[in-house]
Amino acid sequence: MHQDLAAFYENPEVPNSFGGVEALHRSVKGKYSKKDVKHWLSQKDAYTLHKPVRHKFQRNRVFVSDIDRQFQADLVDMQSLAEFNKGYKYLLTCIDLFSKFAWAVPLKDKFGKSVKSGLEIIFKERKPKVLQTDAGKEFLNKIVQNYLKNLNVNFFLQITKQKLALLKGLIGH
């Protein structure tokens, strides 16, 4: 059944020989489905040994139903630039996952009192129902947790090694 595939794939005189799924599928002009071509190629050492390793895996998407439903927050370390920024060492960054609207509030330190005042500035404008952060102590302290509890903002952590994807894209990590 797959002699045609072998004839196209293993013949160096054919322009698409030793190519990938797309190239081989084009060569056989639709005689086999892409699924069949992919399955056949997965059994060939020449294809599987030289196939590049995927370092970034596809992640589950975050679905948010409306504006101000879920925010992601994190601190950006700017200590190396503090002398040029009036002593501000951190940026409290926050993004609304639905609208992609983002805030950045400068902070001189990352103690609970400072983080709370940064969140107050953001939450005066818009307040989320849910706040997602990493497991940094700046968000887990009693001052910030009590503030969120008083505002009825549900809080949860991103515990996996995968970072806060949208927010990290915003700040260029």
C-alpha atoms as a PDB file:
ATOM      1  CA  MET A   1       0.000   0.000   0.000  1.00  0.00           C
ATOM      2  CA  HIS A   2       2.760   2.458   0.900  1.00  0.00           C
ATOM      3  CA  GLN A   3       5.169   1.666  -1.947  1.00  0.00           C
ATOM      4  CA  ASP A   4       4.208   4.993  -3.543  1.00  0.00           C
ATOM      5  CA  LEU A   5       5.164   6.842  -0.380  1.00  0.00           C
ATOM      6  CA  ALA A   6       8.505   5.047  -0.207  1.00  0.00           C
ATOM      7  CA  ALA A   7       9.157   5.791  -3.886  1.00  0.00           C
ATOM      8  CA  PHE A   8       8.649   9.520  -3.337  1.00  0.00           C
ATOM      9  CA  TYR A   9      10.259   9.779   0.097  1.00  0.00           C
ATOM     10  CA  GLU A  10      13.378   7.657  -0.395  1.00  0.00           C
ATOM     11  CA  ASN A  11      14.311   8.769  -3.931  1.00  0.00           C
ATOM     12  CA  PRO A  12      16.859  11.633  -3.874  1.00  0.00           C
ATOM     13  CA  GLU A  13      15.912  12.575  -7.445  1.00  0.00           C
ATOM     14  CA  VAL A  14      12.405  13.579  -6.324  1.00  0.00           C
ATOM     15  CA  PRO A  15      12.370  17.263  -5.243  1.00  0.00           C
ATOM     16  CA  ASN A  16      10.441  16.606  -2.010  1.00  0.00           C
ATOM     17  CA  SER A  17      12.360  13.504  -0.927  1.00  0.00           C
ATOM     18  CA  PHE A  18      13.200  13.208   2.755  1.00  0.00           C
ATOM     19  CA  GLY A  19      10.932  16.156   3.462  1.00  0.00           C
ATOM     20  CA  GLY A  20       8.186  16.431   6.018  1.00  0.00           C
ATOM     21  CA  VAL A  21       4.514  15.537   6.089  1.00  0.00           C
ATOM     22  CA  GLU A  22       3.434  18.470   3.909  1.00  0.00           C
ATOM     23  CA  ALA A  23       6.094  17.875   1.246  1.00  0.00           C
ATOM     24  CA  LEU A  24       5.357  14.166   0.953  1.00  0.00           C
ATOM     25  CA  HIS A  25       1.597  14.771   0.924  1.00  0.00           C
ATOM     26  CA  ARG A  26       2.030  17.234  -1.974  1.00  0.00           C
ATOM     27  CA  SER A  27       4.231  14.738  -3.825  1.00  0.00           C
ATOM     28  CA  VAL A  28       1.614  11.975  -3.749  1.00  0.00           C
ATOM     29  CA  LYS A  29      -1.021  14.503  -4.869  1.00  0.00           C
ATOM     30  CA  GLY A  30      -3.721  13.527  -2.397  1.00  0.00           C
ATOM     31  CA  LYS A  31      -3.489   9.786  -2.989  1.00  0.00           C
ATOM     32  CA  TYR A  32      -3.063   9.374   0.792  1.00  0.00           C
ATOM     33  CA  SER A  33      -4.462  11.509   3.579  1.00  0.00           C
ATOM     34  CA  LYS A  34      -2.139  13.642   5.691  1.00  0.00           C
ATOM     35  CA  LYS A  35      -2.911  11.354   8.608  1.00  0.00           C
ATOM     36  CA  ASP A  36      -1.743   8.309   6.615  1.00  0.00           C
ATOM     37  CA  VAL A  37       1.400  10.128   5.474  1.00  0.00           C
ATOM     38  CA  LYS A  38       2.191  11.216   9.033  1.00  0.00           C
ATOM     39  CA  HIS A  39       1.658   7.689  10.356  1.00  0.00           C
ATOM     40  CA  TRP A  40       3.905   6.205   7.667  1.00  0.00           C
ATOM     41  CA  LEU A  41       6.618   8.798   8.317  1.00  0.00           C
ATOM     42  CA  SER A  42       6.523   8.171  12.068  1.00  0.00           C
ATOM     43  CA  GLN A  43       7.806   4.659  11.351  1.00  0.00           C
ATOM     44  CA  LYS A  44      10.799   5.907   9.341  1.00  0.00           C
ATOM     45  CA  ASP A  45      14.070   6.484  11.200  1.00  0.00           C
ATOM     46  CA  ALA A  46      15.206   9.093   8.681  1.00  0.00           C
ATOM     47  CA  TYR A  47      12.164  11.202   9.607  1.00  0.00           C
ATOM     48  CA  THR A  48      11.903  10.626  13.360  1.00  0.00           C
ATOM     49  CA  LEU A  49      15.627  10.899  14.159  1.00  0.00           C
ATOM     50  CA  HIS A  50      15.973  14.280  12.479  1.00  0.00           C
ATOM     51  CA  LYS A  51      12.646  15.753  13.471  1.00  0.00           C
ATOM     52  CA  PRO A  52      13.279  18.824  15.642  1.00  0.00           C
ATOM     53  CA  VAL A  53      12.423  18.501  19.326  1.00  0.00           C
ATOM     54  CA  ARG A  54       9.494  20.632  20.472  1.00  0.00           C
ATOM     55  CA  HIS A  55      10.587  22.682  23.448  1.00  0.00           C
ATOM     56  CA  LYS A  56       7.378  24.659  23.790  1.00  0.00           C
ATOM     57  CA  PHE A  57       4.283  22.579  24.258  1.00  0.00           C
ATOM     58  CA  GLN A  58       0.818  23.746  23.443  1.00  0.00           C
ATOM     59  CA  ARG A  59      -0.954  24.881  26.605  1.00  0.00           C
ATOM     60  CA  ASN A  60      -4.590  24.956  27.528  1.00  0.00           C
ATOM     61  CA  ARG A  61      -6.185  28.283  26.696  1.00  0.00           C
ATOM     62  CA  VAL A  62      -7.643  30.469  29.407  1.00  0.00           C
ATOM     63  CA  PHE A  63     -11.278  31.268  28.733  1.00  0.00           C
ATOM     64  CA  VAL A  64     -12.698  34.371  30.380  1.00  0.00           C
ATOM     65  CA  SER A  65     -16.335  35.250  29.812  1.00  0.00           C
ATOM     66  CA  ASP A  66     -16.385  38.996  30.428  1.00  0.00           C
ATOM     67  CA  ILE A  67     -14.446  42.111  31.334  1.00  0.00           C
ATOM     68  CA  ASP A  68     -13.086  42.388  34.901  1.00  0.00           C
ATOM     69  CA  ARG A  69     -13.643  38.665  35.484  1.00  0.00           C
ATOM     70  CA  GLN A  70      -9.985  37.623  35.893  1.00  0.00           C
ATOM     71  CA  PHE A  71      -6.749  39.573  36.239  1.00  0.00           C
ATOM     72  CA  GLN A  72      -3.164  38.313  36.307  1.00  0.00           C
ATOM     73  CA  ALA A  73      -0.632  40.240  38.411  1.00  0.00           C
ATOM     74  CA  ASP A  74       3.109  40.021  38.954  1.00  0.00           C
ATOM     75  CA  LEU A  75       6.098  42.145  39.922  1.00  0.00           C
ATOM     76  CA  VAL A  76       8.784  43.122  37.437  1.00  0.00           C
ATOM     77  CA  ASP A  77      12.218  43.499  39.020  1.00  0.00           C
ATOM     78  CA  MET A  78      13.706  46.851  37.987  1.00  0.00           C
ATOM     79  CA  GLN A  79      16.326  47.158  40.762  1.00  0.00           C
ATOM     80  CA  SER A  80      19.150  47.689  38.285  1.00  0.00           C
ATOM     81  CA  LEU A  81      17.387  50.837  37.034  1.00  0.00           C
ATOM     82  CA  ALA A  82      16.352  52.250  40.431  1.00  0.00           C
ATOM     83  CA  GLU A  83      18.889  55.096  40.304  1.00  0.00           C
ATOM     84  CA  PHE A  84      17.265  56.359  37.087  1.00  0.00           C
ATOM     85  CA  ASN A  85      13.673  55.930  38.332  1.00  0.00           C
ATOM     86  CA  LYS A  86      13.574  57.957  41.566  1.00  0.00           C
ATOM     87  CA  GLY A  87      14.282  54.850  43.648  1.00  0.00           C
ATOM     88  CA  TYR A  88      11.456  52.749  42.215  1.00  0.00           C
ATOM     89  CA  LYS A  89      12.708  49.149  42.124  1.00  0.00           C
ATOM     90  CA  TYR A  90       9.622  47.208  40.994  1.00  0.00           C
ATOM     91  CA  LEU A  91       6.661  47.488  38.664  1.00  0.00           C
ATOM     92  CA  LEU A  92       3.401  45.922  39.779  1.00  0.00           C
ATOM     93  CA  THR A  93       1.929  44.762  36.474  1.00  0.00           C
ATOM     94  CA  CYS A  94      -1.638  43.612  36.071  1.00  0.00           C
ATOM     95  CA  ILE A  95      -3.668  42.589  33.013  1.00  0.00           C
ATOM     96  CA  ASP A  96      -7.375  41.950  32.439  1.00  0.00           C
ATOM     97  CA  LEU A  97      -7.453  38.627  30.590  1.00  0.00           C
ATOM     98  CA  PHE A  98     -10.607  39.478  28.645  1.00  0.00           C
ATOM     99  CA  SER A  99      -9.871  42.986  27.363  1.00  0.00           C
ATOM    100  CA  LYS A 100      -6.049  42.695  27.593  1.00  0.00           C
ATOM    101  CA  PHE A 101      -6.056  46.106  29.304  1.00  0.00           C
ATOM    102  CA  ALA A 102      -2.915  46.397  31.413  1.00  0.00           C
ATOM    103  CA  TRP A 103      -1.585  48.503  34.275  1.00  0.00           C
ATOM    104  CA  ALA A 104       1.926  49.110  35.575  1.00  0.00           C
ATOM    105  CA  VAL A 105       2.364  50.761  38.979  1.00  0.00           C
ATOM    106  CA  PRO A 106       5.875  51.639  40.211  1.00  0.00           C
ATOM    107  CA  LEU A 107       6.824  50.418  43.708  1.00  0.00           C
ATOM    108  CA  LYS A 108       9.890  51.211  45.837  1.00  0.00           C
ATOM    109  CA  ASP A 109       9.810  47.815  47.557  1.00  0.00           C
ATOM    110  CA  LYS A 110       7.798  44.617  47.443  1.00  0.00           C
ATOM    111  CA  PHE A 111       6.523  44.508  51.008  1.00  0.00           C
ATOM    112  CA  GLY A 112       2.843  43.844  51.594  1.00  0.00           C
ATOM    113  CA  LYS A 113       2.010  47.469  52.343  1.00  0.00           C
ATOM    114  CA  SER A 114       3.497  48.664  49.041  1.00  0.00           C
ATOM    115  CA  VAL A 115       1.876  45.902  46.981  1.00  0.00           C
ATOM    116  CA  LYS A 116      -1.478  46.651  48.636  1.00  0.00           C
ATOM    117  CA  SER A 117      -1.197  50.354  47.759  1.00  0.00           C
ATOM    118  CA  GLY A 118      -0.318  49.419  44.164  1.00  0.00           C
ATOM    119  CA  LEU A 119      -3.369  47.154  43.963  1.00  0.00           C
ATOM    120  CA  GLU A 120      -5.509  49.960  45.429  1.00  0.00           C
ATOM    121  CA  ILE A 121      -4.446  52.237  42.558  1.00  0.00           C
ATOM    122  CA  ILE A 122      -5.396  49.571  40.002  1.00  0.00           C
ATOM    123  CA  PHE A 123      -8.630  48.548  41.739  1.00  0.00           C
ATOM    124  CA  LYS A 124      -9.858  52.167  41.973  1.00  0.00           C
ATOM    125  CA  GLU A 125     -10.143  52.032  38.204  1.00  0.00           C
ATOM    126  CA  ARG A 126     -11.389  48.435  37.782  1.00  0.00           C
ATOM    127  CA  LYS A 127     -11.741  45.549  40.214  1.00  0.00           C
ATOM    128  CA  PRO A 128     -11.589  41.873  39.183  1.00  0.00           C
ATOM    129  CA  LYS A 129     -13.680  39.017  40.492  1.00  0.00           C
ATOM    130  CA  VAL A 130     -10.583  36.777  40.408  1.00  0.00           C
ATOM    131  CA  LEU A 131      -6.880  37.618  40.773  1.00  0.00           C
ATOM    132  CA  GLN A 132      -4.191  35.172  39.648  1.00  0.00           C
ATOM    133  CA  THR A 133      -0.547  35.580  40.662  1.00  0.00           C
ATOM    134  CA  ASP A 134       2.587  33.512  41.044  1.00  0.00           C
ATOM    135  CA  ALA A 135       3.541  32.151  44.477  1.00  0.00           C
ATOM    136  CA  GLY A 136       5.618  35.199  45.438  1.00  0.00           C
ATOM    137  CA  LYS A 137       5.506  36.232  49.093  1.00  0.00           C
ATOM    138  CA  GLU A 138       4.606  39.755  48.030  1.00  0.00           C
ATOM    139  CA  PHE A 139       1.105  38.464  47.188  1.00  0.00           C
ATOM    140  CA  LEU A 140       0.753  35.823  49.916  1.00  0.00           C
ATOM    141  CA  ASN A 141       1.271  38.080  52.944  1.00  0.00           C
ATOM    142  CA  LYS A 142      -1.572  38.915  55.344  1.00  0.00           C
ATOM    143  CA  ILE A 143      -1.864  42.559  54.314  1.00  0.00           C
ATOM    144  CA  VAL A 144      -2.544  41.778  50.647  1.00  0.00           C
ATOM    145  CA  GLN A 145      -4.673  38.702  51.405  1.00  0.00           C
ATOM    146  CA  ASN A 146      -6.885  40.629  53.873  1.00  0.00           C
ATOM    147  CA  TYR A 147      -7.250  43.459  51.366  1.00  0.00           C
ATOM    148  CA  LEU A 148      -8.388  41.036  48.650  1.00  0.00           C
ATOM    149  CA  LYS A 149     -10.731  39.267  51.054  1.00  0.00           C
ATOM    150  CA  ASN A 150     -12.340  42.593  52.092  1.00  0.00           C
ATOM    151  CA  LEU A 151     -12.971  43.405  48.422  1.00  0.00           C
ATOM    152  CA  ASN A 152     -14.405  39.911  47.750  1.00  0.00           C
ATOM    153  CA  VAL A 153     -11.712  39.238  45.154  1.00  0.00           C
ATOM    154  CA  ASN A 154     -11.058  35.515  44.795  1.00  0.00           C
ATOM    155  CA  PHE A 155      -7.340  34.795  44.768  1.00  0.00           C
ATOM    156  CA  PHE A 156      -5.464  31.845  43.314  1.00  0.00           C
ATOM    157  CA  LEU A 157      -1.888  30.939  42.487  1.00  0.00           C
ATOM    158  CA  GLN A 158      -0.166  29.762  39.357  1.00  0.00           C
ATOM    159  CA  ILE A 159       1.814  26.898  40.901  1.00  0.00           C
ATOM    160  CA  THR A 160       3.178  25.175  37.794  1.00  0.00           C
ATOM    161  CA  LYS A 161       6.465  26.129  36.186  1.00  0.00           C
ATOM    162  CA  GLN A 162       4.510  27.628  33.325  1.00  0.00           C
ATOM    163  CA  LYS A 163       4.433  31.322  34.049  1.00  0.00           C
ATOM    164  CA  LEU A 164       1.500  33.696  33.857  1.00  0.00           C
ATOM    165  CA  ALA A 165       1.426  33.529  30.083  1.00  0.00           C
ATOM    166  CA  LEU A 166      -0.385  36.711  29.092  1.00  0.00           C
ATOM    167  CA  LEU A 167       1.360  38.842  31.668  1.00  0.00           C
ATOM    168  CA  LYS A 168       4.811  37.486  30.824  1.00  0.00           C
ATOM    169  CA  GLY A 169       4.113  38.261  27.172  1.00  0.00           C
ATOM    170  CA  LEU A 170       3.287  41.826  28.166  1.00  0.00           C
ATOM    171  CA  ILE A 171       6.533  42.363  30.078  1.00  0.00           C
ATOM    172  CA  GLY A 172       8.733  40.453  27.633  1.00  0.00           C
ATOM    173  CA  HIS A 173       9.855  37.457  29.713  1.00  0.00           C
END
